[in-house]
Every structure is written in C-alpha cells, then in structure tokens.
Amino acid sequence: MKTHKSVLRQAALTLAGVTAFSSPAAEPAAPPQDSPAPATAVQAEELLPDAGPITLPAVPADSAPGTELTLPPSNPNLWPNGVGNGFGAGVQSVSLGAGAGCGVKAFGGRDSHDLALSSLSCGYMWGPVRGEGHWYRGNWELRGEVISGAQFSPTAEWLVGLTPHLRYNFTTGTRWVPYFDAGAGVTATSIGPPDLSHTFEFNLQAAVGVRWFIRDNLALSIEARYLHMSCAGLSTPNLGLNNVNGMVGVSWFF
C-alpha cells in the first residue's frame, strides 16, 4: 500500500515540475500606445516649413582659416573711394524733379509770375575728382534737362523748355552731396505781354541744392532755383519773367 502511495506522490511531483517548466515566461509590458517617441532629432521642415532648399555659398579651396570674404561692389566705378568721396569719371544719372515757386518783380518785370514746374534730366560726370586736398574737392557734371509746367498766377499759361547745365558736386565723405548748378537754354510758352513778347524765349537758370544718397546709386534731392525768361531783345516787350522756386527730386546713378 505504501509503495503505491509513494509512486503516486512521485508522479504528481514530476507532473508539477514539467508543467512549471513548460509555461511561457512573462513578456515585458509594452509601452502605452499614446506615449510619444523620444525626440532624437529636430526636423528642418518643422523649423523652416516654407524656406525651401538652402544653398550655402561655396568657399574657395585655397581660403586660409580666418579669411574674411567680401562681396564686390555692384559698380566699382560709381564711388572709387567710397560713398561721398567723389564720383568716378563717366558715371551717368537720370533725375526726376518737381516744384513750385513765386514770381519776382525784378529787372524791369511788371508781373509776379507764379510757376509750377517738372523736370527730367540726364547727367554725365565730366572727368575724375577735381581739387584734391582742397575744401572745394568734387566733380563737374554735364546735364541736359527738359522742363515743363504752367503759370498759375496771374493767368493760367503753359511753358516747356530745353536747357543744358553745368553742375559741380562737392565731396563731403558722407551720403550728403551739395552742389551748385547753372544753365542756359530755350523755352516755348504762352505767357505774353506785358513781360514777354511771343512764344519763343530764352531761359537762364541757377540753383543750389543737396543730394542725400539713401543707397549707393539712389539719391533724393532738394534745391532752390532761380529762373529767368526773356527774348534777349529780339522783339518787344522784353521786360522778362523772374521766378524763385523750390524743387524736390530723385536720381538714379549707373
């Protein structure tokens, strides 16, 4: 009897050991499905969504460490010695201007001719900087100008003219370039007696002003201008028109 019990006990123990050995081991718990993935890198698209491809400038192979790379000026002949230190020879410009002024009864004129004027001109720097080492250091500039406008007092009239000018631009070492200007040309106008005689007249002009370069090749200007018109005695009456006006403008250089 004891022998049977011993056999049964041994069989039960053996069966329990086999069951425990064959049971699968517990698997590690899976991370929650909504847990964010660890941030291992920053995507460029997240920082610059609309930047598009970025291209870096090529560095010459022979560049030494610490060498500074500079961009050449767009037009090295415009300012050979830097802005405000004189234009290069042959620099050209195109200018637009507008203004108005009061008539002056002077040199025999009987009426005050109030005018509104507009201007289109082209310039050419005549040679290099002059007057090195002196306060008047600067550039001579040849200019051709077309003026048009109207008299608004004492009567409404029209005028148009063509005038060559000679201008001198002073150097200051800054973006402010003062100048003086003088010219003589021809004018057609409907202004008549008592001061002018007929459509054809001559014009004399003198001006002082300053240009402010907001960019190396772009400047704003303001000037005071004197304008005289008469026929130089070719017919009568020839008392003449005299006007002092203020002009503002913009100039492009190339």
Protein backbone atom coordinates (compact mmCIF):
# COMPACT_ATOMS: atom_id res chain seq x y z
CA MET A 1 0.00 0.00 0.00
CA LYS A 2 2.78 2.35 0.92
CA THR A 3 4.52 1.51 -2.26
CA HIS A 4 1.52 2.63 -4.33
CA LYS A 5 1.26 5.92 -2.44
CA SER A 6 4.94 6.61 -2.94
CA VAL A 7 4.64 6.01 -6.67
CA LEU A 8 1.60 8.28 -6.95
CA ARG A 9 3.34 11.06 -4.97
CA GLN A 10 6.43 10.86 -7.15
CA ALA A 11 4.31 11.01 -10.32
CA ALA A 12 2.43 14.08 -9.01
CA LEU A 13 5.69 15.91 -8.25
CA THR A 14 7.10 15.06 -11.67
CA LEU A 15 3.96 16.29 -13.40
CA ALA A 16 4.04 19.59 -11.48
CA GLY A 17 7.69 20.18 -12.46
CA VAL A 18 7.02 19.55 -16.13
CA THR A 19 4.07 21.96 -16.15
CA ALA A 20 6.07 24.74 -14.49
CA PHE A 21 8.97 24.26 -16.88
CA SER A 22 6.77 24.36 -20.00
CA SER A 23 4.81 27.53 -19.00
CA PRO A 24 5.78 30.59 -21.17
CA ALA A 25 7.79 33.30 -19.42
CA ALA A 26 6.05 36.59 -18.72
CA GLU A 27 6.68 39.11 -21.51
CA PRO A 28 7.71 42.71 -20.64
CA ALA A 29 4.87 45.18 -20.66
CA ALA A 30 4.52 47.10 -23.90
CA PRO A 31 4.64 50.85 -23.63
CA PRO A 32 1.31 52.66 -23.92
CA GLN A 33 0.26 53.26 -27.48
CA ASP A 34 -0.14 57.02 -26.95
CA SER A 35 3.33 57.56 -25.44
CA PRO A 36 5.35 59.98 -27.64
CA ALA A 37 8.51 58.69 -29.26
CA PRO A 38 11.68 60.11 -27.73
CA ALA A 39 12.86 63.24 -29.55
CA THR A 40 16.21 62.27 -31.00
CA ALA A 41 16.43 64.85 -33.84
CA VAL A 42 14.87 68.16 -34.90
CA GLN A 43 13.38 68.10 -38.35
CA ALA A 44 14.32 71.09 -40.54
CA GLU A 45 10.84 71.09 -42.02
CA GLU A 46 9.36 71.89 -38.59
CA LEU A 47 11.62 74.91 -38.08
CA LEU A 48 11.52 76.28 -41.67
CA PRO A 49 8.30 75.00 -43.26
CA ASP A 50 8.39 77.44 -46.19
CA ALA A 51 12.06 78.15 -46.58
CA GLY A 52 12.69 75.71 -49.38
CA PRO A 53 16.16 74.36 -50.11
CA ILE A 54 19.01 76.28 -48.51
CA THR A 55 22.17 76.73 -50.56
CA LEU A 56 25.37 77.79 -48.83
CA PRO A 57 27.99 79.74 -50.79
CA ALA A 58 30.99 77.78 -51.85
CA VAL A 59 34.21 78.57 -50.02
CA PRO A 60 37.34 78.59 -52.21
CA ALA A 61 39.57 75.63 -51.51
CA ASP A 62 42.60 77.87 -51.01
CA SER A 63 40.93 80.11 -48.41
CA ALA A 64 43.03 80.31 -45.31
CA PRO A 65 41.34 79.92 -41.89
CA GLY A 66 40.05 83.23 -40.61
CA THR A 67 39.96 84.87 -44.05
CA GLU A 68 37.03 87.29 -44.46
CA LEU A 69 35.07 87.05 -47.68
CA THR A 70 33.59 90.32 -49.03
CA LEU A 71 31.21 90.97 -51.90
CA PRO A 72 32.49 93.26 -54.66
CA PRO A 73 30.50 96.49 -55.23
CA SER A 74 27.87 96.34 -57.97
CA ASN A 75 29.58 99.24 -59.79
CA PRO A 76 33.13 99.94 -58.55
CA ASN A 77 33.39 102.97 -60.84
CA LEU A 78 30.48 104.78 -59.14
CA TRP A 79 32.33 105.57 -55.90
CA PRO A 80 36.02 104.60 -56.37
CA ASN A 81 36.94 105.85 -52.87
CA GLY A 82 33.67 105.20 -51.06
CA VAL A 83 30.30 106.94 -50.90
CA GLY A 84 30.60 110.72 -50.71
CA ASN A 85 34.27 110.80 -51.72
CA GLY A 86 33.73 111.69 -55.35
CA PHE A 87 32.14 110.03 -58.35
CA GLY A 88 34.08 108.04 -60.88
CA ALA A 89 34.67 109.55 -64.31
CA GLY A 90 31.89 108.75 -66.75
CA VAL A 91 29.21 107.96 -64.16
CA GLN A 92 25.76 108.74 -65.57
CA SER A 93 22.44 109.65 -63.94
CA VAL A 94 18.75 110.09 -64.63
CA SER A 95 16.75 112.52 -62.47
CA LEU A 96 13.11 113.46 -61.97
CA GLY A 97 12.02 116.59 -60.13
CA ALA A 98 9.02 118.78 -59.37
CA GLY A 99 8.37 122.03 -57.57
CA ALA A 100 6.71 125.41 -57.48
CA GLY A 101 7.70 128.98 -56.81
CA CYS A 102 6.76 132.61 -56.59
CA GLY A 103 7.33 135.23 -59.23
CA VAL A 104 9.59 138.18 -58.51
CA LYS A 105 9.20 141.67 -59.92
CA ALA A 106 12.81 142.29 -60.82
CA PHE A 107 14.93 143.69 -63.66
CA GLY A 108 12.01 145.67 -65.03
CA GLY A 109 9.35 142.94 -64.90
CA ARG A 110 5.84 144.20 -64.12
CA ASP A 111 4.08 140.97 -63.02
CA SER A 112 4.83 138.26 -60.47
CA HIS A 113 4.73 135.01 -62.44
CA ASP A 114 3.99 132.08 -60.11
CA LEU A 115 5.01 128.76 -61.69
CA ALA A 116 4.68 125.01 -61.12
CA LEU A 117 7.47 123.05 -62.81
CA SER A 118 8.54 119.47 -63.51
CA SER A 119 11.94 118.31 -64.71
CA LEU A 120 13.55 115.32 -66.45
CA SER A 121 17.32 115.37 -66.79
CA CYS A 122 20.33 113.19 -67.65
CA GLY A 123 23.80 113.71 -66.21
CA TYR A 124 27.37 112.70 -67.05
CA MET A 125 30.35 113.05 -64.68
CA TRP A 126 32.95 115.01 -66.63
CA GLY A 127 36.30 113.57 -65.60
CA PRO A 128 37.66 112.47 -62.22
CA VAL A 129 37.54 114.26 -58.86
CA ARG A 130 38.97 117.79 -59.02
CA GLY A 131 40.62 119.91 -56.33
CA GLU A 132 42.36 117.16 -54.37
CA GLY A 133 43.41 118.41 -50.95
CA HIS A 134 41.12 121.48 -51.05
CA TRP A 135 37.75 122.32 -49.50
CA TYR A 136 36.14 122.54 -52.94
CA ARG A 137 37.10 118.97 -53.93
CA GLY A 138 34.42 117.49 -56.21
CA ASN A 139 33.18 116.52 -59.67
CA TRP A 140 31.98 118.51 -62.66
CA GLU A 141 28.77 117.15 -64.17
CA LEU A 142 27.28 117.87 -67.60
CA ARG A 143 23.47 117.78 -67.62
CA GLY A 144 20.69 118.06 -70.16
CA GLU A 145 17.24 118.98 -68.85
CA VAL A 146 13.71 119.16 -70.18
CA ILE A 147 11.37 121.34 -68.10
CA SER A 148 7.63 121.69 -68.41
CA GLY A 149 5.00 123.36 -66.32
CA ALA A 150 2.42 126.05 -66.01
CA GLN A 151 1.90 129.56 -64.77
CA PHE A 152 -0.96 129.64 -62.26
CA SER A 153 -0.85 133.36 -61.44
CA PRO A 154 -1.68 135.99 -62.64
CA THR A 155 -3.15 133.93 -65.51
CA ALA A 156 -3.12 130.23 -66.45
CA GLU A 157 -0.45 129.60 -69.12
CA TRP A 158 1.90 126.80 -70.23
CA LEU A 159 5.64 126.50 -70.83
CA VAL A 160 8.20 123.91 -71.94
CA GLY A 161 11.96 124.25 -72.28
CA LEU A 162 15.26 122.53 -73.05
CA THR A 163 18.39 123.53 -71.12
CA PRO A 164 21.99 122.26 -70.92
CA HIS A 165 23.55 122.66 -67.45
CA LEU A 166 26.94 122.55 -65.77
CA ARG A 167 26.87 121.29 -62.17
CA TYR A 168 29.59 120.95 -59.54
CA ASN A 169 29.17 118.21 -56.88
CA PHE A 170 31.18 118.69 -53.68
CA THR A 171 32.72 115.75 -51.79
CA THR A 172 31.91 115.51 -48.08
CA GLY A 173 32.81 111.92 -47.16
CA THR A 174 29.16 111.38 -46.22
CA ARG A 175 25.94 110.50 -48.03
CA TRP A 176 25.10 114.22 -48.31
CA VAL A 177 26.45 115.73 -51.56
CA PRO A 178 25.83 119.50 -52.01
CA TYR A 179 26.06 121.13 -55.43
CA PHE A 180 25.62 124.33 -57.42
CA ASP A 181 24.27 124.44 -60.95
CA ALA A 182 23.87 126.87 -63.85
CA GLY A 183 22.29 126.57 -67.28
CA ALA A 184 21.01 128.46 -70.33
CA GLY A 185 18.50 127.20 -72.89
CA VAL A 186 15.36 127.86 -74.91
CA THR A 187 11.69 127.93 -73.94
CA ALA A 188 8.31 127.90 -75.63
CA THR A 189 5.45 129.47 -73.66
CA SER A 190 2.02 131.02 -73.94
CA ILE A 191 2.96 133.71 -71.41
CA GLY A 192 2.88 137.06 -73.20
CA PRO A 193 2.72 140.80 -72.51
CA PRO A 194 3.45 142.86 -70.56
CA ASP A 195 6.67 140.98 -69.69
CA LEU A 196 7.19 138.60 -72.61
CA SER A 197 6.65 139.15 -76.31
CA HIS A 198 5.89 135.86 -78.07
CA THR A 199 6.16 132.04 -77.91
CA PHE A 200 9.93 131.73 -78.26
CA GLU A 201 12.05 132.80 -75.25
CA PHE A 202 15.48 132.09 -73.81
CA ASN A 203 15.88 130.85 -70.23
CA LEU A 204 18.67 131.32 -67.69
CA GLN A 205 18.81 129.19 -64.54
CA ALA A 206 20.91 128.98 -61.37
CA ALA A 207 20.44 126.55 -58.48
CA VAL A 208 21.96 125.30 -55.22
CA GLY A 209 20.95 122.04 -53.61
CA VAL A 210 21.95 118.84 -51.89
CA ARG A 211 21.55 115.15 -52.66
CA TRP A 212 21.05 112.52 -49.96
CA PHE A 213 22.12 109.04 -51.06
CA ILE A 214 19.73 106.57 -49.47
CA ARG A 215 21.51 103.85 -51.45
CA ASP A 216 24.85 103.86 -53.25
CA ASN A 217 23.10 104.52 -56.58
CA LEU A 218 19.89 106.25 -55.46
CA ALA A 219 19.56 109.79 -54.10
CA LEU A 220 16.85 112.21 -53.02
CA SER A 221 17.44 115.90 -53.65
CA ILE A 222 16.18 119.32 -52.62
CA GLU A 223 17.18 122.60 -54.24
CA ALA A 224 16.39 126.29 -54.63
CA ARG A 225 16.31 127.52 -58.24
CA TYR A 226 16.17 130.89 -59.95
CA LEU A 227 14.61 131.05 -63.44
CA HIS A 228 14.71 134.00 -65.84
CA MET A 229 12.96 134.07 -69.22
CA SER A 230 13.23 136.73 -71.94
CA CYS A 231 13.87 137.01 -75.70
CA ALA A 232 17.22 138.81 -75.42
CA GLY A 233 15.85 141.88 -77.17
CA LEU A 234 14.75 140.09 -80.35
CA SER A 235 11.31 141.71 -80.02
CA THR A 236 9.27 143.83 -77.65
CA PRO A 237 8.13 143.82 -74.95
CA ASN A 238 11.17 142.21 -73.35
CA LEU A 239 10.86 143.03 -69.65
CA GLY A 240 11.38 139.39 -68.67
CA LEU A 241 9.94 136.80 -66.30
CA ASN A 242 11.67 136.04 -62.98
CA ASN A 243 10.80 133.20 -60.60
CA VAL A 244 12.34 131.62 -57.49
CA ASN A 245 11.16 128.06 -56.83
CA GLY A 246 11.86 125.05 -54.68
CA MET A 247 12.37 121.63 -56.26
CA VAL A 248 12.50 118.10 -54.85
CA GLY A 249 13.67 115.12 -56.86
CA VAL A 250 15.09 111.62 -57.11
CA SER A 251 18.17 110.49 -59.07
CA TRP A 252 19.47 107.10 -60.24
CA PHE A 253 23.19 106.63 -60.91
CA PHE A 254 24.86 103.99 -63.06
